């Protein structure tokens, strides 16, 4: 390898569109590696640019640093990853990325309709999420997260797990205490 294969932190930062501090962070997190020059300066092999690009795009689509680190950990450390190495990594992520794409498509396609979030502000909510039936499927916008409105209405037909038909033995109902004092 000649010296043109090794880049300074400033050269990598400029080419990747990042601050040098981001590269130091990526190095500290084990996402990229550098060697040190005789003067202690970082030198990155040119193939680090592909790893940095991968990290940036993965973060942009919502993947965690831990997920990115695990994926990069499957690549060979002793040599520049080949096309086959990257293809293997890509195949291992396909289910995760397909799920992410499906969620983004649901967001794009359904945001103008009921998303099962509980706001009940659209006329469609009365049809697709009557009385906020989607809440029984879990927190958040249930239909954007992949639940079907039919699942919410089926679950709504059953009593909620926390609902009690009879009061507990010895329990008395008390009105909530409302404080009317003001501090000045």
C-alpha atoms as a PDB file:
ATOM      1  CA  UNK A   1       0.000   0.000   0.000  1.00  0.00           C
ATOM      2  CA  UNK A   2       1.332   3.383  -0.864  1.00  0.00           C
ATOM      3  CA  UNK A   3       0.711   6.652   0.942  1.00  0.00           C
ATOM      4  CA  UNK A   4      -2.210   7.569  -1.347  1.00  0.00           C
ATOM      5  CA  UNK A   5      -4.191   4.724   0.267  1.00  0.00           C
ATOM      6  CA  UNK A   6      -3.997   6.492   3.660  1.00  0.00           C
ATOM      7  CA  UNK A   7      -5.939   9.663   4.409  1.00  0.00           C
ATOM      8  CA  UNK A   8      -5.757  12.190   7.217  1.00  0.00           C
ATOM      9  CA  UNK A   9      -8.770  12.794   9.403  1.00  0.00           C
ATOM     10  CA  UNK A  10      -9.314  16.106   7.599  1.00  0.00           C
ATOM     11  CA  UNK A  11      -9.302  14.421   4.188  1.00  0.00           C
ATOM     12  CA  UNK A  12     -11.790  11.770   5.308  1.00  0.00           C
ATOM     13  CA  UNK A  13     -13.980  14.412   6.972  1.00  0.00           C
ATOM     14  CA  UNK A  14     -14.006  16.554   3.837  1.00  0.00           C
ATOM     15  CA  UNK A  15     -14.792  13.640   1.502  1.00  0.00           C
ATOM     16  CA  UNK A  16     -17.455  12.158   3.805  1.00  0.00           C
ATOM     17  CA  UNK A  17     -19.062  15.490   4.687  1.00  0.00           C
ATOM     18  CA  UNK A  18     -18.553  15.068   8.420  1.00  0.00           C
ATOM     19  CA  UNK A  19     -16.791  16.940  11.181  1.00  0.00           C
ATOM     20  CA  UNK A  20     -13.528  15.356  12.370  1.00  0.00           C
ATOM     21  CA  UNK A  21     -15.160  14.960  15.783  1.00  0.00           C
ATOM     22  CA  UNK A  22     -17.743  12.614  14.220  1.00  0.00           C
ATOM     23  CA  UNK A  23     -14.928  10.446  12.861  1.00  0.00           C
ATOM     24  CA  UNK A  24     -13.297  10.352  16.294  1.00  0.00           C
ATOM     25  CA  UNK A  25     -16.671   9.327  17.752  1.00  0.00           C
ATOM     26  CA  UNK A  26     -17.086   6.570  15.141  1.00  0.00           C
ATOM     27  CA  UNK A  27     -13.590   5.352  15.979  1.00  0.00           C
ATOM     28  CA  UNK A  28     -14.305   5.383  19.723  1.00  0.00           C
ATOM     29  CA  UNK A  29     -17.504   3.398  19.066  1.00  0.00           C
ATOM     30  CA  UNK A  30     -15.572   0.772  17.102  1.00  0.00           C
ATOM     31  CA  UNK A  31     -17.258   1.573  13.784  1.00  0.00           C
ATOM     32  CA  UNK A  32     -14.033   2.543  11.987  1.00  0.00           C
ATOM     33  CA  UNK A  33     -10.315   2.050  12.603  1.00  0.00           C
ATOM     34  CA  UNK A  34      -7.290   4.268  12.126  1.00  0.00           C
ATOM     35  CA  UNK A  35      -3.581   3.788  12.492  1.00  0.00           C
ATOM     36  CA  UNK A  36      -1.251   6.406  13.925  1.00  0.00           C
ATOM     37  CA  UNK A  37       1.507   8.186  12.069  1.00  0.00           C
ATOM     38  CA  UNK A  38       4.937   8.660  13.593  1.00  0.00           C
ATOM     39  CA  UNK A  39       3.672  11.961  15.007  1.00  0.00           C
ATOM     40  CA  UNK A  40       0.558  10.328  16.527  1.00  0.00           C
ATOM     41  CA  UNK A  41      -1.884  11.611  13.909  1.00  0.00           C
ATOM     42  CA  UNK A  42      -4.731   9.427  12.717  1.00  0.00           C
ATOM     43  CA  UNK A  43      -4.428   7.864   9.272  1.00  0.00           C
ATOM     44  CA  UNK A  44      -7.417   6.105   7.762  1.00  0.00           C
ATOM     45  CA  UNK A  45      -7.254   3.631   4.931  1.00  0.00           C
ATOM     46  CA  UNK A  46      -9.274   4.836   1.961  1.00  0.00           C
ATOM     47  CA  UNK A  47     -11.817   2.002   2.372  1.00  0.00           C
ATOM     48  CA  UNK A  48     -13.019   3.713   5.565  1.00  0.00           C
ATOM     49  CA  UNK A  49     -15.032   6.028   3.313  1.00  0.00           C
ATOM     50  CA  UNK A  50     -17.410   3.181   2.440  1.00  0.00           C
ATOM     51  CA  UNK A  51     -17.833   2.256   6.111  1.00  0.00           C
ATOM     52  CA  UNK A  52     -18.521   5.888   7.021  1.00  0.00           C
ATOM     53  CA  UNK A  53     -21.076   6.159   4.195  1.00  0.00           C
ATOM     54  CA  UNK A  54     -22.738   2.983   5.458  1.00  0.00           C
ATOM     55  CA  UNK A  55     -22.877   4.342   9.028  1.00  0.00           C
ATOM     56  CA  UNK A  56     -24.389   7.646   7.911  1.00  0.00           C
ATOM     57  CA  UNK A  57     -27.098   6.087   5.756  1.00  0.00           C
ATOM     58  CA  UNK A  58     -27.919   3.453   8.389  1.00  0.00           C
ATOM     59  CA  UNK A  59     -28.349   6.165  11.013  1.00  0.00           C
ATOM     60  CA  UNK A  60     -30.424   8.231   8.625  1.00  0.00           C
ATOM     61  CA  UNK A  61     -32.959   5.418   8.248  1.00  0.00           C
ATOM     62  CA  UNK A  62     -33.194   4.998  12.015  1.00  0.00           C
ATOM     63  CA  UNK A  63     -30.801   2.182  12.828  1.00  0.00           C
ATOM     64  CA  UNK A  64     -28.996   2.358  16.138  1.00  0.00           C
ATOM     65  CA  UNK A  65     -25.251   2.579  16.666  1.00  0.00           C
ATOM     66  CA  UNK A  66     -25.444  -0.900  18.217  1.00  0.00           C
ATOM     67  CA  UNK A  67     -27.089  -2.329  15.082  1.00  0.00           C
ATOM     68  CA  UNK A  68     -24.528  -0.626  12.859  1.00  0.00           C
ATOM     69  CA  UNK A  69     -21.631  -1.853  15.028  1.00  0.00           C
ATOM     70  CA  UNK A  70     -22.952  -5.423  14.931  1.00  0.00           C
ATOM     71  CA  UNK A  71     -23.285  -5.302  11.149  1.00  0.00           C
ATOM     72  CA  UNK A  72     -19.826  -3.833  10.618  1.00  0.00           C
ATOM     73  CA  UNK A  73     -18.484  -6.486  12.981  1.00  0.00           C
ATOM     74  CA  UNK A  74     -19.406  -9.125  10.386  1.00  0.00           C
ATOM     75  CA  UNK A  75     -17.019  -7.574   7.853  1.00  0.00           C
ATOM     76  CA  UNK A  76     -13.381  -8.678   7.751  1.00  0.00           C
ATOM     77  CA  UNK A  77     -11.110  -6.434   9.830  1.00  0.00           C
ATOM     78  CA  UNK A  78      -7.835  -7.670   8.297  1.00  0.00           C
ATOM     79  CA  UNK A  79      -8.653  -6.691   4.720  1.00  0.00           C
ATOM     80  CA  UNK A  80     -10.816  -4.397   2.619  1.00  0.00           C
ATOM     81  CA  UNK A  81     -14.319  -5.883   2.415  1.00  0.00           C
ATOM     82  CA  UNK A  82     -15.207  -7.277  -0.991  1.00  0.00           C
ATOM     83  CA  UNK A  83     -18.446  -7.006  -2.909  1.00  0.00           C
ATOM     84  CA  UNK A  84     -19.402 -10.456  -1.552  1.00  0.00           C
ATOM     85  CA  UNK A  85     -18.765  -9.280   2.036  1.00  0.00           C
ATOM     86  CA  UNK A  86     -21.062  -6.295   1.537  1.00  0.00           C
ATOM     87  CA  UNK A  87     -23.670  -8.500  -0.179  1.00  0.00           C
ATOM     88  CA  UNK A  88     -23.688 -10.864   2.820  1.00  0.00           C
ATOM     89  CA  UNK A  89     -24.195  -7.910   5.165  1.00  0.00           C
ATOM     90  CA  UNK A  90     -26.976  -6.586   2.934  1.00  0.00           C
ATOM     91  CA  UNK A  91     -28.782  -9.955   2.929  1.00  0.00           C
ATOM     92  CA  UNK A  92     -28.607 -10.161   6.718  1.00  0.00           C
ATOM     93  CA  UNK A  93     -30.267  -6.749   7.012  1.00  0.00           C
ATOM     94  CA  UNK A  94     -32.934  -7.292   4.400  1.00  0.00           C
ATOM     95  CA  UNK A  95     -35.753  -8.241   6.828  1.00  0.00           C
ATOM     96  CA  UNK A  96     -34.970  -5.237   9.063  1.00  0.00           C
ATOM     97  CA  UNK A  97     -34.824  -2.857   6.094  1.00  0.00           C
ATOM     98  CA  UNK A  98     -37.991  -4.327   4.536  1.00  0.00           C
ATOM     99  CA  UNK A  99     -39.799  -3.692   7.833  1.00  0.00           C
ATOM    100  CA  UNK A 100     -38.487  -0.112   7.888  1.00  0.00           C
ATOM    101  CA  UNK A 101     -39.598   0.444   4.268  1.00  0.00           C
ATOM    102  CA  UNK A 102     -43.069  -0.927   5.010  1.00  0.00           C
ATOM    103  CA  UNK A 103     -43.406   1.427   7.989  1.00  0.00           C
ATOM    104  CA  UNK A 104     -42.354   4.400   5.875  1.00  0.00           C
ATOM    105  CA  UNK A 105     -44.825   3.410   3.160  1.00  0.00           C
ATOM    106  CA  UNK A 106     -47.634   3.169   5.724  1.00  0.00           C
ATOM    107  CA  UNK A 107     -46.674   6.622   7.001  1.00  0.00           C
ATOM    108  CA  UNK A 108     -46.729   8.041   3.474  1.00  0.00           C
ATOM    109  CA  UNK A 109     -49.984   6.355   2.480  1.00  0.00           C
ATOM    110  CA  UNK A 110     -52.050   6.544   5.659  1.00  0.00           C
ATOM    111  CA  UNK A 111     -51.191   9.795   7.388  1.00  0.00           C
ATOM    112  CA  UNK A 112     -54.287  11.486   5.964  1.00  0.00           C
ATOM    113  CA  UNK A 113     -56.536   8.828   7.499  1.00  0.00           C
ATOM    114  CA  UNK A 114     -56.927   7.182  10.881  1.00  0.00           C
ATOM    115  CA  UNK A 115     -53.585   5.853  12.128  1.00  0.00           C
ATOM    116  CA  UNK A 116     -54.870   4.383  15.390  1.00  0.00           C
ATOM    117  CA  UNK A 117     -53.092   6.915  17.622  1.00  0.00           C
ATOM    118  CA  UNK A 118     -56.119   7.754  19.770  1.00  0.00           C
ATOM    119  CA  UNK A 119     -56.664  11.367  18.665  1.00  0.00           C
ATOM    120  CA  UNK A 120     -60.063  10.491  17.130  1.00  0.00           C
ATOM    121  CA  UNK A 121     -59.899  13.768  15.204  1.00  0.00           C
ATOM    122  CA  UNK A 122     -60.764  12.448  11.725  1.00  0.00           C
ATOM    123  CA  UNK A 123     -64.191  11.205  10.649  1.00  0.00           C
ATOM    124  CA  UNK A 124     -62.468   7.981   9.606  1.00  0.00           C
ATOM    125  CA  UNK A 125     -61.419   7.394  13.221  1.00  0.00           C
ATOM    126  CA  UNK A 126     -65.031   6.671  14.146  1.00  0.00           C
ATOM    127  CA  UNK A 127     -64.993   3.828  11.617  1.00  0.00           C
ATOM    128  CA  UNK A 128     -61.457   2.479  12.004  1.00  0.00           C
ATOM    129  CA  UNK A 129     -60.827   3.186  15.678  1.00  0.00           C
ATOM    130  CA  UNK A 130     -64.185   3.460  17.459  1.00  0.00           C
ATOM    131  CA  UNK A 131     -63.769   4.598  21.062  1.00  0.00           C
ATOM    132  CA  UNK A 132     -60.003   4.259  20.569  1.00  0.00           C
ATOM    133  CA  UNK A 133     -60.157   0.478  20.269  1.00  0.00           C
ATOM    134  CA  UNK A 134     -56.581   0.510  18.940  1.00  0.00           C
ATOM    135  CA  UNK A 135     -55.326   1.381  22.436  1.00  0.00           C
ATOM    136  CA  UNK A 136     -55.926  -2.236  23.417  1.00  0.00           C
ATOM    137  CA  UNK A 137     -53.329  -3.310  20.842  1.00  0.00           C
ATOM    138  CA  UNK A 138     -50.647  -1.217  22.527  1.00  0.00           C
ATOM    139  CA  UNK A 139     -49.253   2.300  22.651  1.00  0.00           C
ATOM    140  CA  UNK A 140     -48.612   4.564  19.697  1.00  0.00           C
ATOM    141  CA  UNK A 141     -50.069   4.797  16.191  1.00  0.00           C
ATOM    142  CA  UNK A 142     -51.081   1.144  15.925  1.00  0.00           C
ATOM    143  CA  UNK A 143     -52.068   1.193  12.237  1.00  0.00           C
ATOM    144  CA  UNK A 144     -48.817   2.830  11.186  1.00  0.00           C
ATOM    145  CA  UNK A 145     -46.942   0.247  13.231  1.00  0.00           C
ATOM    146  CA  UNK A 146     -48.572  -2.565  11.284  1.00  0.00           C
ATOM    147  CA  UNK A 147     -51.730  -3.510  13.177  1.00  0.00           C
ATOM    148  CA  UNK A 148     -54.908  -3.759  11.122  1.00  0.00           C
ATOM    149  CA  UNK A 149     -58.070  -1.881  12.118  1.00  0.00           C
ATOM    150  CA  UNK A 150     -59.870  -5.250  12.150  1.00  0.00           C
ATOM    151  CA  UNK A 151     -57.555  -6.414  14.941  1.00  0.00           C
ATOM    152  CA  UNK A 152     -58.533  -3.409  17.042  1.00  0.00           C
ATOM    153  CA  UNK A 153     -62.246  -3.978  16.618  1.00  0.00           C
ATOM    154  CA  UNK A 154     -61.828  -7.703  17.410  1.00  0.00           C
ATOM    155  CA  UNK A 155     -59.894  -6.886  20.565  1.00  0.00           C
ATOM    156  CA  UNK A 156     -62.423  -4.175  21.464  1.00  0.00           C
ATOM    157  CA  UNK A 157     -65.152  -6.800  21.522  1.00  0.00           C
ATOM    158  CA  UNK A 158     -63.368  -8.440  24.472  1.00  0.00           C
ATOM    159  CA  UNK A 159     -63.216  -6.772  27.902  1.00  0.00           C
ATOM    160  CA  UNK A 160     -59.991  -4.933  28.645  1.00  0.00           C
ATOM    161  CA  UNK A 161     -57.570  -6.900  30.847  1.00  0.00           C
ATOM    162  CA  UNK A 162     -57.607  -4.228  33.534  1.00  0.00           C
ATOM    163  CA  UNK A 163     -61.399  -3.838  33.558  1.00  0.00           C
ATOM    164  CA  UNK A 164     -63.073  -5.346  36.604  1.00  0.00           C
ATOM    165  CA  UNK A 165     -66.736  -6.235  36.510  1.00  0.00           C
ATOM    166  CA  UNK A 166     -67.085  -6.105  40.282  1.00  0.00           C
ATOM    167  CA  UNK A 167     -65.258  -3.939  42.778  1.00  0.00           C
ATOM    168  CA  UNK A 168     -62.586  -5.557  44.894  1.00  0.00           C
ATOM    169  CA  UNK A 169     -63.728  -6.793  48.262  1.00  0.00           C
ATOM    170  CA  UNK A 170     -63.679  -4.024  50.797  1.00  0.00           C
ATOM    171  CA  UNK A 171     -62.976  -1.364  48.177  1.00  0.00           C
ATOM    172  CA  UNK A 172     -64.863   1.884  48.381  1.00  0.00           C
ATOM    173  CA  UNK A 173     -65.188   4.475  45.689  1.00  0.00           C
ATOM    174  CA  UNK A 174     -63.814   7.869  46.561  1.00  0.00           C
ATOM    175  CA  UNK A 175     -64.056  11.059  44.638  1.00  0.00           C
ATOM    176  CA  UNK A 176     -60.733  12.468  43.468  1.00  0.00           C
ATOM    177  CA  UNK A 177     -59.299  15.258  45.573  1.00  0.00           C
ATOM    178  CA  UNK A 178     -58.963  18.495  43.672  1.00  0.00           C
ATOM    179  CA  UNK A 179     -56.749  21.176  45.133  1.00  0.00           C
ATOM    180  CA  UNK A 180     -58.016  24.698  44.656  1.00  0.00           C
ATOM    181  CA  UNK A 181     -55.138  26.520  46.321  1.00  0.00           C
ATOM    182  CA  UNK A 182     -52.961  28.838  44.289  1.00  0.00           C
ATOM    183  CA  UNK A 183     -49.428  29.820  44.927  1.00  0.00           C
ATOM    184  CA  UNK A 184     -48.628  33.385  44.311  1.00  0.00           C
END
